[in-house]
Amino acid sequence: MNNLVGIYFLSINLLSGIVFFIDKRKAINGSRRISEFTLHLLELFGGVFANVVLMYAIRHKNRKFSYWIWTWVIMIGWIMILGLLIQNYFTIINL
């Protein structure tokens, strides 16, 4: 079960990072962009960690406040969820 969760998070972050990078390339080339809704949806599914790193590493969407704020709200939500899951995991082990 733990392996599946790890594989899921690795996969969704890889996918989200690739889509985010493609959007950056499209922005540079002036072609049709990937919607912010799609980027945020991938973040909600767990790909927010890759997007936050890439937001600053490739300097994409890091100055657009409306995008930035929702990304960080999603990030904080995921950190809280993961914190609760880890806390419950260790509580179960100590029983």
N, C-alpha and C. Protein backbone atom coordinates (compact mmCIF):
# COMPACT_ATOMS: atom_id res chain seq x y z
N MET A 1 0.82 -1.20 0.00
CA MET A 1 0.00 0.00 0.00
C MET A 1 0.86 1.26 0.00
N ASN A 2 1.91 1.30 0.86
CA ASN A 2 2.79 2.46 0.92
C ASN A 2 3.49 2.70 -0.40
N ASN A 3 3.85 1.60 -1.09
CA ASN A 3 4.50 1.74 -2.39
C ASN A 3 3.57 2.38 -3.40
N LEU A 4 2.30 2.02 -3.37
CA LEU A 4 1.34 2.60 -4.30
C LEU A 4 1.16 4.09 -4.07
N VAL A 5 1.14 4.50 -2.83
CA VAL A 5 1.01 5.92 -2.52
C VAL A 5 2.24 6.67 -3.02
N GLY A 6 3.41 6.12 -2.78
CA GLY A 6 4.64 6.75 -3.25
C GLY A 6 4.70 6.83 -4.76
N ILE A 7 4.31 5.75 -5.43
CA ILE A 7 4.29 5.74 -6.89
C ILE A 7 3.29 6.76 -7.42
N TYR A 8 2.13 6.86 -6.76
CA TYR A 8 1.13 7.85 -7.17
C TYR A 8 1.69 9.26 -7.07
N PHE A 9 2.27 9.61 -5.92
CA PHE A 9 2.78 10.97 -5.74
C PHE A 9 3.93 11.27 -6.69
N LEU A 10 4.79 10.31 -6.92
CA LEU A 10 5.88 10.50 -7.88
C LEU A 10 5.30 10.73 -9.28
N SER A 11 4.34 9.92 -9.66
CA SER A 11 3.74 10.02 -11.00
C SER A 11 2.99 11.33 -11.20
N ILE A 12 2.16 11.72 -10.24
CA ILE A 12 1.36 12.94 -10.41
C ILE A 12 2.25 14.17 -10.41
N ASN A 13 3.32 14.15 -9.61
CA ASN A 13 4.23 15.29 -9.62
C ASN A 13 5.05 15.34 -10.90
N LEU A 14 5.42 14.19 -11.43
CA LEU A 14 6.13 14.15 -12.70
C LEU A 14 5.22 14.68 -13.82
N LEU A 15 3.99 14.20 -13.87
CA LEU A 15 3.03 14.65 -14.88
C LEU A 15 2.77 16.15 -14.75
N SER A 16 2.53 16.61 -13.53
CA SER A 16 2.25 18.01 -13.29
C SER A 16 3.44 18.88 -13.69
N GLY A 17 4.64 18.43 -13.36
CA GLY A 17 5.84 19.18 -13.72
C GLY A 17 6.04 19.26 -15.23
N ILE A 18 5.77 18.16 -15.92
CA ILE A 18 5.90 18.15 -17.38
C ILE A 18 4.89 19.11 -18.01
N VAL A 19 3.65 19.07 -17.55
CA VAL A 19 2.61 19.97 -18.08
C VAL A 19 2.97 21.42 -17.79
N PHE A 20 3.48 21.70 -16.60
CA PHE A 20 3.88 23.05 -16.23
C PHE A 20 5.02 23.54 -17.13
N PHE A 21 5.99 22.66 -17.37
CA PHE A 21 7.12 23.01 -18.23
C PHE A 21 6.66 23.24 -19.67
N ILE A 22 5.73 22.41 -20.15
CA ILE A 22 5.18 22.60 -21.50
C ILE A 22 4.50 23.96 -21.60
N ASP A 23 3.77 24.36 -20.55
CA ASP A 23 3.12 25.67 -20.56
C ASP A 23 4.16 26.78 -20.64
N LYS A 24 5.27 26.62 -19.96
CA LYS A 24 6.35 27.61 -20.03
C LYS A 24 6.88 27.71 -21.46
N ARG A 25 7.11 26.58 -22.10
CA ARG A 25 7.62 26.57 -23.47
C ARG A 25 6.61 27.23 -24.42
N LYS A 26 5.33 26.94 -24.20
CA LYS A 26 4.29 27.54 -25.05
C LYS A 26 4.24 29.05 -24.83
N ALA A 27 4.46 29.50 -23.62
CA ALA A 27 4.47 30.94 -23.34
C ALA A 27 5.63 31.61 -24.08
N ILE A 28 6.77 30.96 -24.10
CA ILE A 28 7.94 31.51 -24.80
C ILE A 28 7.69 31.56 -26.31
N ASN A 29 7.07 30.50 -26.85
CA ASN A 29 6.84 30.42 -28.29
C ASN A 29 5.62 31.19 -28.75
N GLY A 30 4.81 31.67 -27.82
CA GLY A 30 3.62 32.42 -28.18
C GLY A 30 2.48 31.57 -28.71
N SER A 31 2.50 30.29 -28.41
CA SER A 31 1.43 29.40 -28.87
C SER A 31 0.34 29.26 -27.81
N ARG A 32 -0.69 28.51 -28.14
CA ARG A 32 -1.83 28.33 -27.25
C ARG A 32 -1.39 27.68 -25.94
N ARG A 33 -1.79 28.29 -24.83
CA ARG A 33 -1.32 27.90 -23.50
C ARG A 33 -2.22 26.85 -22.86
N ILE A 34 -1.70 26.22 -21.83
CA ILE A 34 -2.46 25.29 -20.99
C ILE A 34 -3.21 26.14 -19.95
N SER A 35 -4.47 25.84 -19.73
CA SER A 35 -5.27 26.68 -18.83
C SER A 35 -4.79 26.57 -17.39
N GLU A 36 -4.96 27.66 -16.66
CA GLU A 36 -4.61 27.65 -15.24
C GLU A 36 -5.48 26.66 -14.48
N PHE A 37 -6.71 26.48 -14.94
CA PHE A 37 -7.60 25.50 -14.32
C PHE A 37 -6.96 24.11 -14.37
N THR A 38 -6.40 23.74 -15.51
CA THR A 38 -5.76 22.43 -15.66
C THR A 38 -4.54 22.32 -14.74
N LEU A 39 -3.74 23.38 -14.69
CA LEU A 39 -2.56 23.36 -13.82
C LEU A 39 -2.97 23.23 -12.35
N HIS A 40 -3.99 23.97 -11.95
CA HIS A 40 -4.46 23.88 -10.56
C HIS A 40 -5.11 22.52 -10.27
N LEU A 41 -5.78 21.95 -11.24
CA LEU A 41 -6.39 20.64 -11.05
C LEU A 41 -5.30 19.59 -10.81
N LEU A 42 -4.23 19.65 -11.56
CA LEU A 42 -3.11 18.73 -11.33
C LEU A 42 -2.50 18.95 -9.95
N GLU A 43 -2.45 20.20 -9.52
CA GLU A 43 -1.96 20.50 -8.17
C GLU A 43 -2.87 19.91 -7.11
N LEU A 44 -4.18 20.03 -7.30
CA LEU A 44 -5.14 19.47 -6.34
C LEU A 44 -5.00 17.96 -6.23
N PHE A 45 -4.67 17.31 -7.34
CA PHE A 45 -4.48 15.85 -7.32
C PHE A 45 -3.16 15.45 -6.68
N GLY A 46 -2.32 16.42 -6.31
CA GLY A 46 -1.08 16.11 -5.61
C GLY A 46 0.18 16.58 -6.31
N GLY A 47 0.06 17.18 -7.49
CA GLY A 47 1.23 17.62 -8.23
C GLY A 47 1.74 19.00 -7.87
N VAL A 48 1.27 19.53 -6.77
CA VAL A 48 1.63 20.88 -6.36
C VAL A 48 3.11 21.00 -6.00
N PHE A 49 3.71 19.94 -5.50
CA PHE A 49 5.10 20.02 -5.04
C PHE A 49 6.05 20.29 -6.20
N ALA A 50 5.84 19.61 -7.32
CA ALA A 50 6.66 19.85 -8.50
C ALA A 50 6.43 21.25 -9.05
N ASN A 51 5.18 21.68 -9.06
CA ASN A 51 4.86 22.99 -9.63
C ASN A 51 5.46 24.13 -8.81
N VAL A 52 5.47 23.99 -7.51
CA VAL A 52 6.05 25.05 -6.67
C VAL A 52 7.56 25.14 -6.93
N VAL A 53 8.22 24.02 -7.01
CA VAL A 53 9.66 24.03 -7.30
C VAL A 53 9.91 24.65 -8.67
N LEU A 54 9.15 24.21 -9.67
CA LEU A 54 9.35 24.72 -11.03
C LEU A 54 8.94 26.18 -11.17
N MET A 55 7.99 26.63 -10.38
CA MET A 55 7.54 28.01 -10.46
C MET A 55 8.73 28.96 -10.26
N TYR A 56 9.64 28.58 -9.38
CA TYR A 56 10.80 29.42 -9.10
C TYR A 56 12.02 28.99 -9.90
N ALA A 57 12.16 27.71 -10.18
CA ALA A 57 13.33 27.22 -10.92
C ALA A 57 13.33 27.71 -12.37
N ILE A 58 12.16 27.70 -13.01
CA ILE A 58 12.10 28.13 -14.41
C ILE A 58 11.41 29.49 -14.55
N ARG A 59 11.11 30.12 -13.42
CA ARG A 59 10.51 31.46 -13.39
C ARG A 59 9.25 31.54 -14.25
N HIS A 60 8.31 30.68 -13.89
CA HIS A 60 7.05 30.65 -14.63
C HIS A 60 5.90 30.83 -13.66
N LYS A 61 5.10 31.84 -13.88
CA LYS A 61 3.90 32.17 -13.10
C LYS A 61 4.22 32.56 -11.65
N ASN A 62 5.48 32.86 -11.36
CA ASN A 62 5.83 33.21 -9.98
C ASN A 62 5.51 34.67 -9.66
N ARG A 63 5.16 35.47 -10.66
CA ARG A 63 4.78 36.86 -10.41
C ARG A 63 3.29 37.12 -10.61
N LYS A 64 2.57 36.13 -11.05
CA LYS A 64 1.13 36.29 -11.26
C LYS A 64 0.41 35.93 -9.96
N PHE A 65 -0.02 36.95 -9.24
CA PHE A 65 -0.55 36.75 -7.89
C PHE A 65 -1.74 35.80 -7.86
N SER A 66 -2.65 35.93 -8.82
CA SER A 66 -3.85 35.09 -8.80
C SER A 66 -3.50 33.61 -8.97
N TYR A 67 -2.45 33.32 -9.69
CA TYR A 67 -2.01 31.92 -9.82
C TYR A 67 -1.23 31.51 -8.57
N TRP A 68 -0.32 32.36 -8.18
CA TRP A 68 0.59 32.09 -7.06
C TRP A 68 -0.18 31.80 -5.77
N ILE A 69 -1.18 32.61 -5.47
CA ILE A 69 -1.91 32.45 -4.20
C ILE A 69 -2.65 31.12 -4.15
N TRP A 70 -3.30 30.74 -5.27
CA TRP A 70 -4.02 29.46 -5.27
C TRP A 70 -3.07 28.28 -5.18
N THR A 71 -1.91 28.40 -5.80
CA THR A 71 -0.93 27.32 -5.71
C THR A 71 -0.48 27.14 -4.26
N TRP A 72 -0.23 28.24 -3.57
CA TRP A 72 0.22 28.13 -2.18
C TRP A 72 -0.90 27.67 -1.25
N VAL A 73 -2.13 28.04 -1.53
CA VAL A 73 -3.27 27.53 -0.73
C VAL A 73 -3.36 26.02 -0.89
N ILE A 74 -3.22 25.54 -2.11
CA ILE A 74 -3.25 24.10 -2.37
C ILE A 74 -2.07 23.41 -1.68
N MET A 75 -0.89 24.03 -1.74
CA MET A 75 0.31 23.46 -1.10
C MET A 75 0.10 23.33 0.41
N ILE A 76 -0.42 24.37 1.04
CA ILE A 76 -0.66 24.33 2.49
C ILE A 76 -1.68 23.24 2.82
N GLY A 77 -2.72 23.12 1.99
CA GLY A 77 -3.71 22.06 2.19
C GLY A 77 -3.07 20.68 2.12
N TRP A 78 -2.22 20.45 1.14
CA TRP A 78 -1.55 19.14 1.02
C TRP A 78 -0.61 18.88 2.19
N ILE A 79 0.08 19.90 2.65
CA ILE A 79 0.98 19.72 3.81
C ILE A 79 0.16 19.34 5.04
N MET A 80 -1.01 19.97 5.21
CA MET A 80 -1.87 19.63 6.35
C MET A 80 -2.39 18.20 6.24
N ILE A 81 -2.83 17.81 5.04
CA ILE A 81 -3.33 16.44 4.84
C ILE A 81 -2.23 15.43 5.09
N LEU A 82 -1.06 15.66 4.54
CA LEU A 82 0.05 14.72 4.75
C LEU A 82 0.47 14.67 6.21
N GLY A 83 0.44 15.82 6.89
CA GLY A 83 0.75 15.85 8.32
C GLY A 83 -0.22 15.00 9.12
N LEU A 84 -1.51 15.11 8.81
CA LEU A 84 -2.51 14.30 9.51
C LEU A 84 -2.34 12.81 9.22
N LEU A 85 -2.05 12.48 7.97
CA LEU A 85 -1.84 11.08 7.61
C LEU A 85 -0.63 10.49 8.32
N ILE A 86 0.44 11.27 8.39
CA ILE A 86 1.65 10.79 9.07
C ILE A 86 1.38 10.66 10.57
N GLN A 87 0.68 11.62 11.14
CA GLN A 87 0.35 11.56 12.57
C GLN A 87 -0.51 10.33 12.88
N ASN A 88 -1.52 10.07 12.05
CA ASN A 88 -2.37 8.90 12.26
C ASN A 88 -1.59 7.61 12.06
N TYR A 89 -0.67 7.58 11.10
CA TYR A 89 0.14 6.40 10.85
C TYR A 89 0.96 6.05 12.08
N PHE A 90 1.60 7.03 12.70
CA PHE A 90 2.42 6.76 13.87
C PHE A 90 1.57 6.47 15.10
N THR A 91 0.36 7.02 15.16
CA THR A 91 -0.55 6.70 16.26
C THR A 91 -0.97 5.24 16.19
N ILE A 92 -1.26 4.75 15.00
CA ILE A 92 -1.65 3.37 14.81
C ILE A 92 -0.50 2.42 15.18
N ILE A 93 0.72 2.78 14.83
CA ILE A 93 1.88 1.93 15.11
C ILE A 93 2.12 1.81 16.60
N ASN A 94 1.90 2.89 17.36
CA ASN A 94 2.17 2.89 18.79
C ASN A 94 1.10 2.16 19.61
N LEU A 95 -0.02 1.80 18.97
CA LEU A 95 -1.05 1.07 19.70
C LEU A 95 -0.53 -0.29 19.99
